[in-house]
Amino acid sequence: MIYVRILVSLLVLYLLYRLIRRFLLRRETGYLPGRRRNGEELVQDPQCGTYIPISDARELELNGVKVYFCSRECMEKYIIKA
């Protein structure tokens, strides 16, 4: 009977550990388990065709339209070509 109590106690402690860890992880990083952390929109560079996350892209507005580039070099080539 004592072994059953020990096993149940260990199981309860483990579950508490998982709940606390999940709460702290969400609070510190904004990460919500079950969701993609890097589920960010990808944009295509019109100059070289590379797909990049929108947060890493260089943005240029031409004639009211936002265009995204992977690098400054691609942006400059696109401006010269346009």
Protein backbone atom coordinates (compact mmCIF):
# COMPACT_ATOMS: atom_id res chain seq x y z
CA MET A 1 0.00 0.00 0.00
CA ILE A 2 2.87 2.38 0.72
CA TYR A 3 4.17 1.90 -2.83
CA VAL A 4 0.86 3.01 -4.31
CA ARG A 5 0.95 6.19 -2.21
CA ILE A 6 4.50 6.91 -3.32
CA LEU A 7 3.60 6.38 -6.98
CA VAL A 8 0.50 8.59 -6.71
CA SER A 9 2.54 11.28 -4.92
CA LEU A 10 5.20 11.19 -7.63
CA LEU A 11 2.57 11.42 -10.33
CA VAL A 12 0.94 14.43 -8.66
CA LEU A 13 4.32 16.15 -8.26
CA TYR A 14 5.15 15.54 -11.91
CA LEU A 15 1.83 16.98 -13.07
CA LEU A 16 2.33 20.05 -10.85
CA TYR A 17 5.81 20.49 -12.30
CA ARG A 18 4.42 20.37 -15.87
CA LEU A 19 1.68 22.90 -15.08
CA ILE A 20 4.06 25.33 -13.41
CA ARG A 21 6.60 24.98 -16.22
CA ARG A 22 3.92 25.62 -18.83
CA PHE A 23 2.69 28.71 -17.01
CA LEU A 24 6.20 30.15 -16.60
CA LEU A 25 7.14 29.45 -20.21
CA ARG A 26 4.02 31.21 -21.47
CA ARG A 27 4.59 34.16 -19.17
CA GLU A 28 8.27 34.68 -20.01
CA THR A 29 8.27 34.15 -23.75
CA GLY A 30 4.70 34.69 -24.87
CA TYR A 31 4.82 31.17 -26.26
CA LEU A 32 1.57 29.27 -26.15
CA PRO A 33 2.06 25.50 -26.34
CA GLY A 34 0.33 23.96 -29.34
CA ARG A 35 0.86 26.97 -31.60
CA ARG A 36 3.64 27.47 -34.10
CA ARG A 37 6.24 29.85 -32.77
CA ASN A 38 7.57 30.75 -36.18
CA GLY A 39 4.26 30.80 -38.02
CA GLU A 40 5.15 34.14 -39.54
CA GLU A 41 4.04 35.33 -42.97
CA LEU A 42 6.57 34.84 -45.76
CA VAL A 43 7.02 37.40 -48.52
CA GLN A 44 8.77 36.98 -51.86
CA ASP A 45 11.57 39.25 -52.98
CA PRO A 46 10.58 40.44 -56.50
CA GLN A 47 14.22 40.80 -57.55
CA CYS A 48 15.67 37.37 -56.70
CA GLY A 49 12.54 35.36 -55.85
CA THR A 50 13.66 34.41 -52.34
CA TYR A 51 10.98 33.88 -49.68
CA ILE A 52 11.76 35.53 -46.35
CA PRO A 53 9.91 36.16 -43.06
CA ILE A 54 8.24 39.57 -43.13
CA SER A 55 10.07 40.62 -39.95
CA ASP A 56 13.46 40.12 -41.67
CA ALA A 57 12.49 41.79 -44.94
CA ARG A 58 13.42 45.27 -46.06
CA GLU A 59 10.29 47.22 -46.95
CA LEU A 60 9.89 49.75 -49.75
CA GLU A 61 6.71 51.51 -50.75
CA LEU A 62 6.34 52.19 -54.47
CA ASN A 63 3.20 53.88 -55.80
CA GLY A 64 1.32 53.00 -52.63
CA VAL A 65 2.26 49.31 -52.80
CA LYS A 66 4.59 47.75 -50.22
CA VAL A 67 7.36 45.64 -51.73
CA TYR A 68 9.64 43.45 -49.59
CA PHE A 69 13.26 42.53 -50.25
CA CYS A 70 15.73 40.06 -48.74
CA SER A 71 18.64 42.51 -48.81
CA ARG A 72 19.61 46.07 -49.53
CA GLU A 73 21.39 44.94 -52.70
CA CYS A 74 18.21 43.38 -54.12
CA MET A 75 16.26 46.50 -53.22
CA GLU A 76 18.77 48.75 -55.00
CA LYS A 77 18.80 46.52 -58.11
CA TYR A 78 15.00 46.58 -58.20
CA ILE A 79 14.92 50.40 -57.89
CA ILE A 80 17.44 50.81 -60.71
CA LYS A 81 15.51 48.36 -62.90
CA ALA A 82 12.16 50.06 -62.23
